[in-house]
Amino acid sequence: MNLPELSALELRRLIGSKKISPVELMDACIARIEKYNPAINAITATDFERARVTAKQAEAAVMRGDKLGLLHGLPLGVKDLQDTKDLLTTYGNIGLRGNIPAQDNSLVARLRAAGAIVTAKTNVPDMGAGANSRNAVWGATGNPFNPSLNAGGSSGGSAAALATDLLPICTGSDTGGSLRIPAAMCGVVGMRPSPGTVPNDGRALGWSVISVLGPMGRTVTDTAFLMGGSIGRDPMDPLAYPVDGSTIWPMRHVDLSNLRIGYTEDFGVCIVGDEYRRVFRQRMQEIAPMVDCCEPVDLNFAEADRAFDILRAENFVAAFAETWRKNPEMLGPNIRANMDIAAAITLADRAWAHLEQSRIMRAFAAATEKYDLILSPVVPLTPFPWTELYAAKVDKHEMKNYYHWLGLTYVVTLATNPTIALPCGKDEHGMPFGLQVSGRLYEDGKLMAAAHALEQAFSADPQLCRAKPDMSALTMARPELKSIVTHPPIYDAPPSKTGAPPGVV
């Protein structure tokens, strides 16, 4: 029995029934990280010594017959934008190479309380800006299907770690697609919850619905399982609300044949490559016989790009304005690009953007009254080399900035609906292909249950089932993934125990 390859739910069942020890599982995950991580560079700071101690305590609790938490004994990977008490948290920024937070962020604290064991941090872009998980502290994360290609971002390290079974559960976060994009590129599941479902005490703008925290897993079941340990009230998050946990976990049964699905290739505005349009159309043809209805839906969000530019820039100003004034050299090119956009924005622009977001939300809400799910591609093209900071072109279309190619996901961000990246076979280059499956606002449990029904149908079809990387091809270390750390640091900061500024992803 190769423990790291078992599902998180099965591992928790085996721990609870005393058939495996949390110590045994932790040792197996650490050994797998040490063997395979050099090939993809998904894991950054590690906490193996403390994790082993915690695993022994978890084992003792099982043997005493204590009441166990939902995630008891499961090794956890934490995205390196999320503070972990006494564990290096760099945000992928060289100015924070010595940052050791004094406390966990709200999500990490909640998952520890549910019994998960923080084992390691996972790689991100510098300050989470962008969808290519590379930075000057840890280097780049390579895609498990081809380490020369990028793993997406900003939760790229978490996605790659899950795809290679280094850890059973990992955290993520999402502003413009940071949970969904790497999940699609690596062939795993990433869930962007409705705002306030997973409390977030680190959001600079407390009332903003743009940025959320969320779970990642290899399957919808594991993702929903982790979500079950993530929800709850938090007085430091004004958007957090008392979620009925029974609507999240355990998942309810959904009859796939009763689902009504609307789909769109581009929301009337997004640039999508010809290949991905072809693959998406094929998937819709294959799904149609499985459900009650599967038909195009007319969603024309022509002003979404401008609205997202403004709202994203607003969030970046809130998070980084002080650093921009005092230590601009600490900020990477992607963050500086957002600050440049912000410099030209007026109060009238901000008012317009909020009005446009409201229009998009209401149009999306109307569509989800007619359909149970809205389906779209997650990304517009196959993974590109990690050496390219972002996709400058999609087919012949020039991108206007480093995140323009992420329009498929940030349109749904503007709508604020819960959405999940669901693996659905491979693209024409043999890389994972993901569907973006969106549901009704605040009906996250129903969305995951419906996505699970689709996932079960896909699993029986070799063309649609989740793709898995060839682990035999990942036994060679890839030093080039860390090569971008060799240049001299731009900015040095002394070790800190106070935590980092809130990041934007």
Protein backbone atom coordinates (compact mmCIF):
# COMPACT_ATOMS: atom_id res chain seq x y z
CA MET A 1 0.00 0.00 0.00
CA ASN A 2 1.58 3.26 -1.19
CA LEU A 3 0.09 5.66 1.34
CA PRO A 4 0.72 9.01 -0.39
CA GLU A 5 -1.22 7.81 -3.44
CA LEU A 6 -4.38 7.13 -1.43
CA SER A 7 -7.10 9.77 -1.27
CA ALA A 8 -7.26 12.13 1.68
CA LEU A 9 -10.62 10.68 2.67
CA GLU A 10 -9.31 7.11 2.60
CA LEU A 11 -6.23 8.09 4.60
CA ARG A 12 -8.41 9.73 7.25
CA ARG A 13 -10.57 6.60 7.43
CA LEU A 14 -7.50 4.38 7.87
CA ILE A 15 -6.15 6.66 10.61
CA GLY A 16 -9.48 6.67 12.44
CA SER A 17 -9.75 2.88 12.26
CA LYS A 18 -6.15 2.47 13.54
CA LYS A 19 -5.07 0.70 10.34
CA ILE A 20 -2.32 3.24 9.69
CA SER A 21 -0.50 5.64 11.97
CA PRO A 22 -0.22 9.40 11.32
CA VAL A 23 3.52 8.90 11.87
CA GLU A 24 3.66 6.25 9.15
CA LEU A 25 1.79 8.53 6.78
CA MET A 26 3.95 11.56 7.58
CA ASP A 27 7.16 9.60 7.01
CA ALA A 28 5.82 8.34 3.67
CA CYS A 29 4.92 11.85 2.50
CA ILE A 30 8.27 13.28 3.55
CA ALA A 31 10.09 10.49 1.72
CA ARG A 32 8.03 11.17 -1.40
CA ILE A 33 8.72 14.90 -1.21
CA GLU A 34 12.43 14.24 -0.92
CA LYS A 35 12.32 11.88 -3.90
CA TYR A 36 10.17 13.81 -6.36
CA ASN A 37 10.21 17.47 -5.39
CA PRO A 38 13.65 18.14 -6.94
CA ALA A 39 12.05 17.38 -10.33
CA ILE A 40 9.23 19.93 -10.03
CA ASN A 41 10.16 22.31 -7.18
CA ALA A 42 6.64 22.54 -5.75
CA ILE A 43 7.65 22.55 -2.07
CA THR A 44 9.42 25.53 -0.52
CA ALA A 45 9.98 25.79 3.25
CA THR A 46 9.50 22.54 5.16
CA ASP A 47 8.52 21.83 8.75
CA PHE A 48 9.37 18.14 8.85
CA GLU A 49 10.73 17.98 12.41
CA ARG A 50 7.70 19.66 13.97
CA ALA A 51 5.37 17.74 11.66
CA ARG A 52 6.79 14.43 12.88
CA VAL A 53 6.32 15.51 16.50
CA THR A 54 2.72 16.53 15.76
CA ALA A 55 2.14 13.22 13.97
CA LYS A 56 3.26 11.34 17.09
CA GLN A 57 0.80 13.39 19.14
CA ALA A 58 -1.91 12.60 16.60
CA GLU A 59 -1.09 8.90 16.86
CA ALA A 60 -1.34 9.05 20.66
CA ALA A 61 -4.76 10.69 20.41
CA VAL A 62 -5.98 7.86 18.16
CA MET A 63 -4.69 5.21 20.53
CA ARG A 64 -6.33 6.92 23.53
CA GLY A 65 -9.66 6.92 21.74
CA ASP A 66 -9.92 10.73 21.76
CA LYS A 67 -12.50 12.48 19.63
CA LEU A 68 -10.68 13.22 16.37
CA GLY A 69 -10.96 16.24 14.13
CA LEU A 70 -12.25 15.97 10.59
CA LEU A 71 -8.72 16.14 9.12
CA HIS A 72 -6.91 14.37 11.96
CA GLY A 73 -3.39 13.28 11.05
CA LEU A 74 -3.40 14.44 7.41
CA PRO A 75 -0.22 16.15 6.15
CA LEU A 76 -1.05 19.60 4.78
CA GLY A 77 0.69 21.83 2.26
CA VAL A 78 0.16 25.57 2.81
CA LYS A 79 0.49 28.11 0.03
CA ASP A 80 3.41 30.44 0.70
CA LEU A 81 1.14 33.49 0.70
CA GLN A 82 -0.51 32.24 3.90
CA ASP A 83 1.11 32.89 7.27
CA THR A 84 2.21 29.86 9.27
CA LYS A 85 3.30 30.30 12.86
CA ASP A 86 7.07 29.83 13.33
CA LEU A 87 7.46 28.60 9.73
CA LEU A 88 9.14 30.66 7.03
CA THR A 89 6.56 32.49 4.89
CA THR A 90 8.23 34.43 2.09
CA TYR A 91 5.36 35.31 -0.29
CA GLY A 92 7.96 34.46 -2.94
CA ASN A 93 9.61 37.84 -2.31
CA ILE A 94 13.33 38.24 -1.63
CA GLY A 95 12.62 41.03 0.85
CA LEU A 96 10.74 38.52 3.00
CA ARG A 97 13.27 35.70 2.96
CA GLY A 98 13.54 35.92 6.74
CA ASN A 99 9.84 36.37 7.53
CA ILE A 100 8.69 34.00 10.26
CA PRO A 101 5.10 34.88 11.29
CA ALA A 102 4.13 34.95 14.94
CA GLN A 103 0.77 33.36 14.20
CA ASP A 104 -1.16 31.38 11.62
CA ASN A 105 -3.62 33.04 9.30
CA SER A 106 -7.26 32.21 9.90
CA LEU A 107 -7.42 29.31 7.42
CA VAL A 108 -4.26 27.60 8.65
CA ALA A 109 -5.40 27.94 12.27
CA ARG A 110 -8.77 26.41 11.39
CA LEU A 111 -7.18 23.48 9.56
CA ARG A 112 -4.77 22.80 12.43
CA ALA A 113 -7.76 22.80 14.78
CA ALA A 114 -9.40 20.19 12.51
CA GLY A 115 -6.33 17.95 12.94
CA ALA A 116 -4.36 18.66 9.76
CA ILE A 117 -0.57 18.76 10.21
CA VAL A 118 1.30 21.61 8.50
CA THR A 119 4.15 19.85 6.71
CA ALA A 120 5.48 22.29 4.13
CA LYS A 121 4.85 25.50 2.20
CA THR A 122 4.11 25.46 -1.54
CA ASN A 123 5.51 27.73 -4.22
CA VAL A 124 3.95 30.92 -5.60
CA PRO A 125 4.79 33.84 -7.91
CA ASP A 126 6.38 36.89 -6.27
CA MET A 127 3.67 38.23 -3.91
CA GLY A 128 1.19 36.00 -5.71
CA ALA A 129 1.07 38.28 -8.76
CA GLY A 130 0.64 36.19 -11.88
CA ALA A 131 -0.17 32.67 -13.03
CA ASN A 132 3.37 31.31 -13.29
CA SER A 133 4.72 30.10 -9.94
CA ARG A 134 8.28 31.38 -10.12
CA ASN A 135 10.15 33.80 -7.89
CA ALA A 136 13.65 34.86 -6.91
CA VAL A 137 13.53 33.09 -3.54
CA TRP A 138 12.64 29.51 -4.45
CA GLY A 139 12.80 29.41 -8.23
CA ALA A 140 10.12 28.02 -10.55
CA THR A 141 7.63 25.20 -10.19
CA GLY A 142 7.64 22.91 -13.20
CA ASN A 143 4.51 21.22 -14.49
CA PRO A 144 4.41 17.55 -13.36
CA PHE A 145 3.53 16.50 -16.91
CA ASN A 146 6.55 18.36 -18.32
CA PRO A 147 8.79 20.28 -15.89
CA SER A 148 9.92 22.58 -18.70
CA LEU A 149 6.40 24.03 -18.74
CA ASN A 150 4.71 26.13 -16.09
CA ALA A 151 2.37 24.79 -13.43
CA GLY A 152 0.12 27.83 -13.34
CA GLY A 153 -0.38 30.10 -10.40
CA SER A 154 -0.54 31.54 -8.06
CA SER A 155 -1.29 28.26 -6.24
CA GLY A 156 1.06 26.41 -8.59
CA GLY A 157 3.12 24.72 -5.90
CA SER A 158 0.00 23.31 -4.26
CA ALA A 159 -1.37 22.02 -7.57
CA ALA A 160 1.92 20.36 -8.57
CA ALA A 161 2.35 18.81 -5.12
CA LEU A 162 -1.14 17.29 -5.31
CA ALA A 163 -0.68 16.03 -8.87
CA THR A 164 2.43 14.12 -7.82
CA ASP A 165 0.91 12.83 -4.55
CA LEU A 166 3.45 14.63 -2.38
CA LEU A 167 0.69 15.67 0.01
CA PRO A 168 -2.98 14.66 0.28
CA ILE A 169 -4.40 18.18 0.81
CA CYS A 170 -3.18 21.72 0.09
CA THR A 171 -4.46 25.24 0.51
CA GLY A 172 -4.84 27.90 -2.17
CA SER A 173 -6.22 31.36 -2.73
CA ASP A 174 -7.80 33.11 -5.68
CA THR A 175 -8.29 36.59 -7.06
CA GLY A 176 -8.17 36.24 -10.82
CA GLY A 177 -7.98 32.45 -11.02
CA SER A 178 -5.15 31.41 -8.71
CA LEU A 179 -6.94 28.27 -7.47
CA ARG A 180 -8.45 27.29 -10.79
CA ILE A 181 -5.63 27.91 -13.27
CA PRO A 182 -2.93 25.73 -11.66
CA ALA A 183 -5.50 23.04 -10.91
CA ALA A 184 -6.43 22.90 -14.60
CA MET A 185 -2.81 22.93 -15.74
CA CYS A 186 -1.76 20.16 -13.35
CA GLY A 187 -4.87 17.96 -13.53
CA VAL A 188 -6.26 18.44 -10.02
CA VAL A 189 -9.23 20.22 -8.44
CA GLY A 190 -9.28 23.82 -7.22
CA MET A 191 -12.34 25.37 -5.61
CA ARG A 192 -12.99 29.13 -5.49
CA PRO A 193 -15.71 29.45 -2.81
CA SER A 194 -18.39 32.11 -2.52
CA PRO A 195 -16.98 35.15 -0.68
CA GLY A 196 -17.09 34.68 3.10
CA THR A 197 -17.52 30.90 2.98
CA VAL A 198 -13.88 30.36 3.97
CA PRO A 199 -12.93 33.15 6.40
CA ASN A 200 -9.93 35.28 5.52
CA ASP A 201 -8.47 37.59 8.16
CA GLY A 202 -5.60 38.73 5.92
CA ARG A 203 -7.52 40.53 3.18
CA ALA A 204 -6.39 44.16 3.09
CA LEU A 205 -9.82 45.39 1.99
CA GLY A 206 -12.06 43.54 4.40
CA TRP A 207 -15.23 44.14 2.41
CA SER A 208 -13.81 43.25 -1.00
CA VAL A 209 -15.23 40.11 -2.63
CA ILE A 210 -12.35 39.78 -5.12
CA SER A 211 -9.89 37.66 -3.12
CA VAL A 212 -10.83 34.40 -1.41
CA LEU A 213 -9.11 31.45 0.24
CA GLY A 214 -10.02 27.93 -0.82
CA PRO A 215 -9.19 24.23 -0.89
CA MET A 216 -7.37 22.06 -3.41
CA GLY A 217 -7.41 18.30 -3.81
CA ARG A 218 -6.84 15.55 -6.32
CA THR A 219 -10.57 14.87 -6.53
CA VAL A 220 -13.77 16.74 -5.83
CA THR A 221 -14.34 14.50 -2.81
CA ASP A 222 -10.99 15.40 -1.25
CA THR A 223 -11.53 19.08 -2.05
CA ALA A 224 -14.97 19.09 -0.42
CA PHE A 225 -13.51 17.19 2.54
CA LEU A 226 -10.88 19.92 3.03
CA MET A 227 -13.55 22.57 2.52
CA GLY A 228 -15.49 20.99 5.37
CA GLY A 229 -12.60 21.78 7.69
CA SER A 230 -12.17 25.32 6.35
CA ILE A 231 -15.54 26.95 6.98
CA GLY A 232 -16.77 28.77 10.06
CA ARG A 233 -17.27 32.18 11.59
CA ASP A 234 -14.34 34.55 12.03
CA PRO A 235 -14.85 37.95 13.68
CA MET A 236 -11.87 39.36 11.77
CA ASP A 237 -13.52 38.77 8.38
CA PRO A 238 -16.58 40.98 7.85
CA LEU A 239 -17.72 38.80 4.92
CA ALA A 240 -17.64 35.53 6.88
CA TYR A 241 -21.06 34.11 7.59
CA PRO A 242 -22.31 31.06 9.53
CA VAL A 243 -22.21 28.34 6.88
CA ASP A 244 -24.27 25.22 7.53
CA GLY A 245 -21.49 22.62 7.49
CA SER A 246 -23.88 19.85 6.52
CA THR A 247 -24.34 21.51 3.12
CA ILE A 248 -20.60 21.14 2.44
CA TRP A 249 -19.60 17.82 3.98
CA PRO A 250 -20.49 15.05 3.54
CA MET A 251 -21.46 15.77 -0.06
CA ARG A 252 -24.98 15.05 -1.12
CA HIS A 253 -25.92 12.85 -4.08
CA VAL A 254 -26.77 14.56 -7.38
CA ASP A 255 -28.46 12.77 -10.27
CA LEU A 256 -26.39 13.82 -13.26
CA SER A 257 -29.25 13.17 -15.67
CA ASN A 258 -31.30 15.94 -14.05
CA LEU A 259 -28.69 18.68 -14.42
CA ARG A 260 -29.26 21.64 -16.72
CA ILE A 261 -25.97 23.01 -18.09
CA GLY A 262 -25.29 26.23 -19.93
CA TYR A 263 -21.87 26.71 -21.51
CA THR A 264 -19.79 29.48 -23.01
CA GLU A 265 -16.44 29.42 -24.74
CA ASP A 266 -15.45 32.98 -23.93
CA PHE A 267 -18.14 34.99 -22.04
CA GLY A 268 -18.29 37.21 -25.10
CA VAL A 269 -15.00 38.88 -24.24
CA CYS A 270 -12.18 36.43 -23.43
CA ILE A 271 -9.47 35.55 -25.93
CA VAL A 272 -9.33 31.75 -26.28
CA GLY A 273 -6.99 29.83 -28.58
CA ASP A 274 -8.42 27.79 -31.44
CA GLU A 275 -7.15 24.52 -29.95
CA TYR A 276 -8.87 25.12 -26.64
CA ARG A 277 -12.10 26.08 -28.35
CA ARG A 278 -11.99 22.77 -30.25
CA VAL A 279 -11.28 20.74 -27.11
CA PHE A 280 -14.01 22.53 -25.16
CA ARG A 281 -16.60 21.93 -27.89
CA GLN A 282 -15.69 18.24 -27.93
CA ARG A 283 -16.19 18.06 -24.18
CA MET A 284 -19.61 19.69 -24.42
CA GLN A 285 -20.63 17.15 -27.06
CA GLU A 286 -19.50 14.32 -24.79
CA ILE A 287 -21.28 15.74 -21.73
CA ALA A 288 -24.58 16.50 -23.49
CA PRO A 289 -25.92 12.90 -23.43
CA MET A 290 -25.18 12.64 -19.70
CA VAL A 291 -27.42 15.51 -18.59
CA ASP A 292 -30.92 16.89 -19.03
CA CYS A 293 -29.76 19.93 -20.98
CA CYS A 294 -26.40 21.16 -22.29
CA GLU A 295 -26.66 24.24 -24.47
CA PRO A 296 -24.87 27.53 -25.19
CA VAL A 297 -25.68 30.44 -22.90
CA ASP A 298 -25.38 34.03 -24.07
CA LEU A 299 -23.19 35.88 -21.58
CA ASN A 300 -21.61 38.95 -23.10
CA PHE A 301 -19.36 40.65 -20.56
CA ALA A 302 -17.61 43.02 -22.98
CA GLU A 303 -16.47 45.44 -20.25
CA ALA A 304 -15.10 42.78 -17.89
CA ASP A 305 -11.44 43.45 -18.72
CA ARG A 306 -11.62 47.12 -17.79
CA ALA A 307 -13.66 46.44 -14.66
CA PHE A 308 -11.18 43.84 -13.44
CA ASP A 309 -8.22 46.12 -14.20
CA ILE A 310 -9.68 48.75 -11.90
CA LEU A 311 -10.84 46.49 -9.07
CA ARG A 312 -7.59 44.51 -9.10
CA ALA A 313 -5.54 47.71 -9.03
CA GLU A 314 -7.61 48.95 -6.09
CA ASN A 315 -6.71 45.80 -4.16
CA PHE A 316 -3.03 46.17 -5.03
CA VAL A 317 -2.97 49.76 -3.81
CA ALA A 318 -4.50 48.62 -0.51
CA ALA A 319 -1.91 45.86 -0.13
CA PHE A 320 1.27 47.46 -1.46
CA ALA A 321 1.00 51.27 -1.43
CA GLU A 322 3.24 51.64 1.63
CA THR A 323 5.89 49.33 0.21
CA TRP A 324 5.62 51.15 -3.13
CA ARG A 325 6.43 54.43 -1.35
CA LYS A 326 9.19 53.16 0.94
CA ASN A 327 10.85 50.22 -0.83
CA PRO A 328 9.71 50.04 -4.47
CA GLU A 329 12.72 47.88 -5.34
CA MET A 330 11.17 45.13 -3.21
CA LEU A 331 8.27 44.75 -5.66
CA GLY A 332 8.50 42.62 -8.78
CA PRO A 333 7.49 43.67 -12.31
CA ASN A 334 3.98 42.23 -12.11
CA ILE A 335 3.15 44.18 -8.97
CA ARG A 336 4.65 47.34 -10.41
CA ALA A 337 2.44 46.89 -13.49
CA ASN A 338 -0.65 46.88 -11.26
CA MET A 339 0.56 49.98 -9.43
CA ASP A 340 1.09 51.76 -12.74
CA ILE A 341 -2.50 50.94 -13.74
CA ALA A 342 -3.70 52.23 -10.36
CA ALA A 343 -1.91 55.55 -10.82
CA ALA A 344 -4.20 56.44 -13.73
CA ILE A 345 -7.49 55.45 -12.06
CA THR A 346 -9.96 58.10 -10.91
CA LEU A 347 -12.78 57.96 -8.39
CA ALA A 348 -15.21 57.95 -11.32
CA ASP A 349 -13.40 54.88 -12.70
CA ARG A 350 -13.80 53.08 -9.38
CA ALA A 351 -17.51 53.86 -9.22
CA TRP A 352 -17.98 52.65 -12.80
CA ALA A 353 -16.09 49.41 -12.07
CA HIS A 354 -18.27 48.61 -9.06
CA LEU A 355 -21.40 49.31 -11.09
CA GLU A 356 -20.14 47.09 -13.93
CA GLN A 357 -19.33 44.29 -11.49
CA SER A 358 -22.87 44.51 -10.16
CA ARG A 359 -24.21 44.23 -13.72
CA ILE A 360 -22.04 41.18 -14.38
CA MET A 361 -23.11 39.58 -11.11
CA ARG A 362 -26.80 40.04 -11.90
CA ALA A 363 -26.46 38.70 -15.45
CA PHE A 364 -24.60 35.65 -14.14
CA ALA A 365 -27.20 35.18 -11.41
CA ALA A 366 -29.98 35.23 -14.00
CA ALA A 367 -28.17 32.54 -15.99
CA THR A 368 -27.79 30.32 -12.92
CA GLU A 369 -31.52 30.57 -12.28
CA LYS A 370 -32.07 28.86 -15.63
CA TYR A 371 -29.10 26.46 -15.43
CA ASP A 372 -27.69 24.46 -12.52
CA LEU A 373 -24.14 24.91 -13.82
CA ILE A 374 -22.31 27.25 -16.18
CA LEU A 375 -19.35 25.57 -17.92
CA SER A 376 -16.39 27.23 -19.62
CA PRO A 377 -12.70 26.52 -20.21
CA VAL A 378 -10.37 27.47 -17.35
CA VAL A 379 -7.46 28.69 -19.48
CA PRO A 380 -7.19 29.73 -23.14
CA LEU A 381 -4.14 27.72 -24.10
CA THR A 382 -1.90 24.79 -23.20
CA PRO A 383 0.84 25.35 -20.57
CA PHE A 384 3.78 27.36 -21.89
CA PRO A 385 7.44 27.30 -20.73
CA TRP A 386 7.96 28.55 -17.17
CA THR A 387 10.79 30.72 -18.50
CA GLU A 388 8.11 32.96 -20.04
CA LEU A 389 6.75 35.12 -17.22
CA TYR A 390 3.27 35.10 -18.75
CA ALA A 391 1.48 34.37 -22.03
CA ALA A 392 2.26 37.42 -24.17
CA LYS A 393 0.11 36.01 -26.99
CA VAL A 394 -2.83 33.65 -27.35
CA ASP A 395 -2.62 32.45 -30.93
CA LYS A 396 -2.10 35.75 -32.80
CA HIS A 397 -3.72 37.93 -30.16
CA GLU A 398 -1.39 40.20 -28.17
CA MET A 399 -2.12 40.42 -24.44
CA LYS A 400 -2.40 43.95 -23.07
CA ASN A 401 -0.83 43.06 -19.70
CA TYR A 402 0.55 40.08 -17.74
CA TYR A 403 -2.88 38.81 -16.60
CA HIS A 404 -5.05 39.55 -19.66
CA TRP A 405 -4.77 35.89 -20.73
CA LEU A 406 -6.60 34.92 -17.51
CA GLY A 407 -9.90 36.47 -18.58
CA LEU A 408 -11.84 33.18 -18.44
CA THR A 409 -11.32 32.99 -14.69
CA TYR A 410 -11.44 36.63 -13.69
CA VAL A 411 -14.82 37.08 -15.39
CA VAL A 412 -16.23 34.56 -12.90
CA THR A 413 -14.35 36.32 -10.10
CA LEU A 414 -16.29 39.46 -10.98
CA ALA A 415 -19.56 37.51 -10.89
CA THR A 416 -18.51 36.22 -7.41
CA ASN A 417 -20.11 32.79 -8.00
CA PRO A 418 -18.49 29.69 -6.52
CA THR A 419 -16.55 27.84 -9.19
CA ILE A 420 -14.43 24.74 -9.43
CA ALA A 421 -11.70 23.62 -11.84
CA LEU A 422 -12.52 20.04 -12.78
CA PRO A 423 -10.06 17.77 -14.63
CA CYS A 424 -11.47 16.56 -17.94
CA GLY A 425 -8.92 14.55 -19.89
CA LYS A 426 -6.06 16.04 -21.91
CA ASP A 427 -5.65 18.73 -24.53
CA GLU A 428 -4.18 18.21 -28.01
CA HIS A 429 -0.64 18.50 -26.58
CA GLY A 430 -1.19 15.73 -24.03
CA MET A 431 -1.42 18.18 -21.12
CA PRO A 432 -4.29 18.25 -18.58
CA PHE A 433 -7.47 20.00 -19.67
CA GLY A 434 -9.79 21.55 -17.09
CA LEU A 435 -13.40 22.66 -17.12
CA GLN A 436 -14.51 25.68 -15.11
CA VAL A 437 -17.75 24.63 -13.44
CA SER A 438 -19.68 27.50 -11.82
CA GLY A 439 -22.77 27.33 -9.63
CA ARG A 440 -25.20 29.59 -7.79
CA LEU A 441 -23.87 32.10 -5.30
CA TYR A 442 -23.64 30.69 -1.77
CA GLU A 443 -24.62 27.20 -2.94
CA ASP A 444 -21.08 25.88 -2.75
CA GLY A 445 -22.14 22.47 -1.47
CA LYS A 446 -24.54 21.93 -4.37
CA LEU A 447 -21.80 22.98 -6.81
CA MET A 448 -19.32 20.46 -5.41
CA ALA A 449 -21.92 17.69 -5.40
CA ALA A 450 -22.75 18.37 -9.05
CA ALA A 451 -19.06 18.53 -9.97
CA HIS A 452 -18.58 15.20 -8.20
CA ALA A 453 -21.35 13.67 -10.32
CA LEU A 454 -19.56 14.88 -13.46
CA GLU A 455 -16.25 13.60 -12.14
CA GLN A 456 -17.69 10.14 -11.54
CA ALA A 457 -19.03 10.05 -15.11
CA PHE A 458 -15.65 11.17 -16.48
CA SER A 459 -13.78 8.50 -14.50
CA ALA A 460 -15.36 5.75 -16.59
CA ASP A 461 -14.12 7.28 -19.86
CA PRO A 462 -10.38 7.13 -20.67
CA GLN A 463 -10.73 10.32 -22.76
CA LEU A 464 -12.35 12.32 -19.95
CA CYS A 465 -10.88 10.95 -16.73
CA ARG A 466 -8.32 12.84 -14.69
CA ALA A 467 -4.87 12.70 -16.28
CA LYS A 468 -1.96 11.65 -14.06
CA PRO A 469 1.72 12.43 -14.60
CA ASP A 470 4.30 9.74 -15.38
CA MET A 471 6.18 9.57 -12.09
CA SER A 472 8.97 7.50 -13.63
CA ALA A 473 9.86 10.57 -15.70
CA LEU A 474 10.23 12.71 -12.56
CA THR A 475 13.15 10.98 -10.89
CA MET A 476 15.79 13.42 -12.20
CA ALA A 477 16.42 16.67 -10.36
CA ARG A 478 15.90 19.81 -12.42
CA PRO A 479 18.39 22.40 -11.11
CA GLU A 480 17.29 24.90 -13.76
CA LEU A 481 14.03 25.35 -11.85
CA LYS A 482 16.03 27.04 -9.09
CA SER A 483 18.43 28.88 -11.39
CA ILE A 484 16.57 32.19 -11.21
CA VAL A 485 17.60 32.57 -7.55
CA THR A 486 21.26 32.97 -8.44
CA HIS A 487 21.22 36.70 -9.16
CA PRO A 488 22.16 39.05 -6.28
CA PRO A 489 19.23 40.03 -4.07
CA ILE A 490 17.72 43.43 -4.74
CA TYR A 491 16.61 44.02 -1.20
CA ASP A 492 17.52 42.40 2.09
CA ALA A 493 15.25 42.43 5.13
CA PRO A 494 16.21 41.16 8.57
CA PRO A 495 14.36 38.13 9.92
CA SER A 496 10.90 39.16 11.08
CA LYS A 497 8.50 37.72 13.63
CA THR A 498 5.71 40.12 12.77
CA GLY A 499 4.37 38.64 9.54
CA ALA A 500 4.24 39.92 5.98
CA PRO A 501 1.97 42.47 4.35
CA PRO A 502 -1.21 40.97 2.92
CA GLY A 503 -0.65 39.62 -0.58
CA VAL A 504 -2.92 39.77 -3.60
CA VAL A 505 -3.24 36.76 -5.90
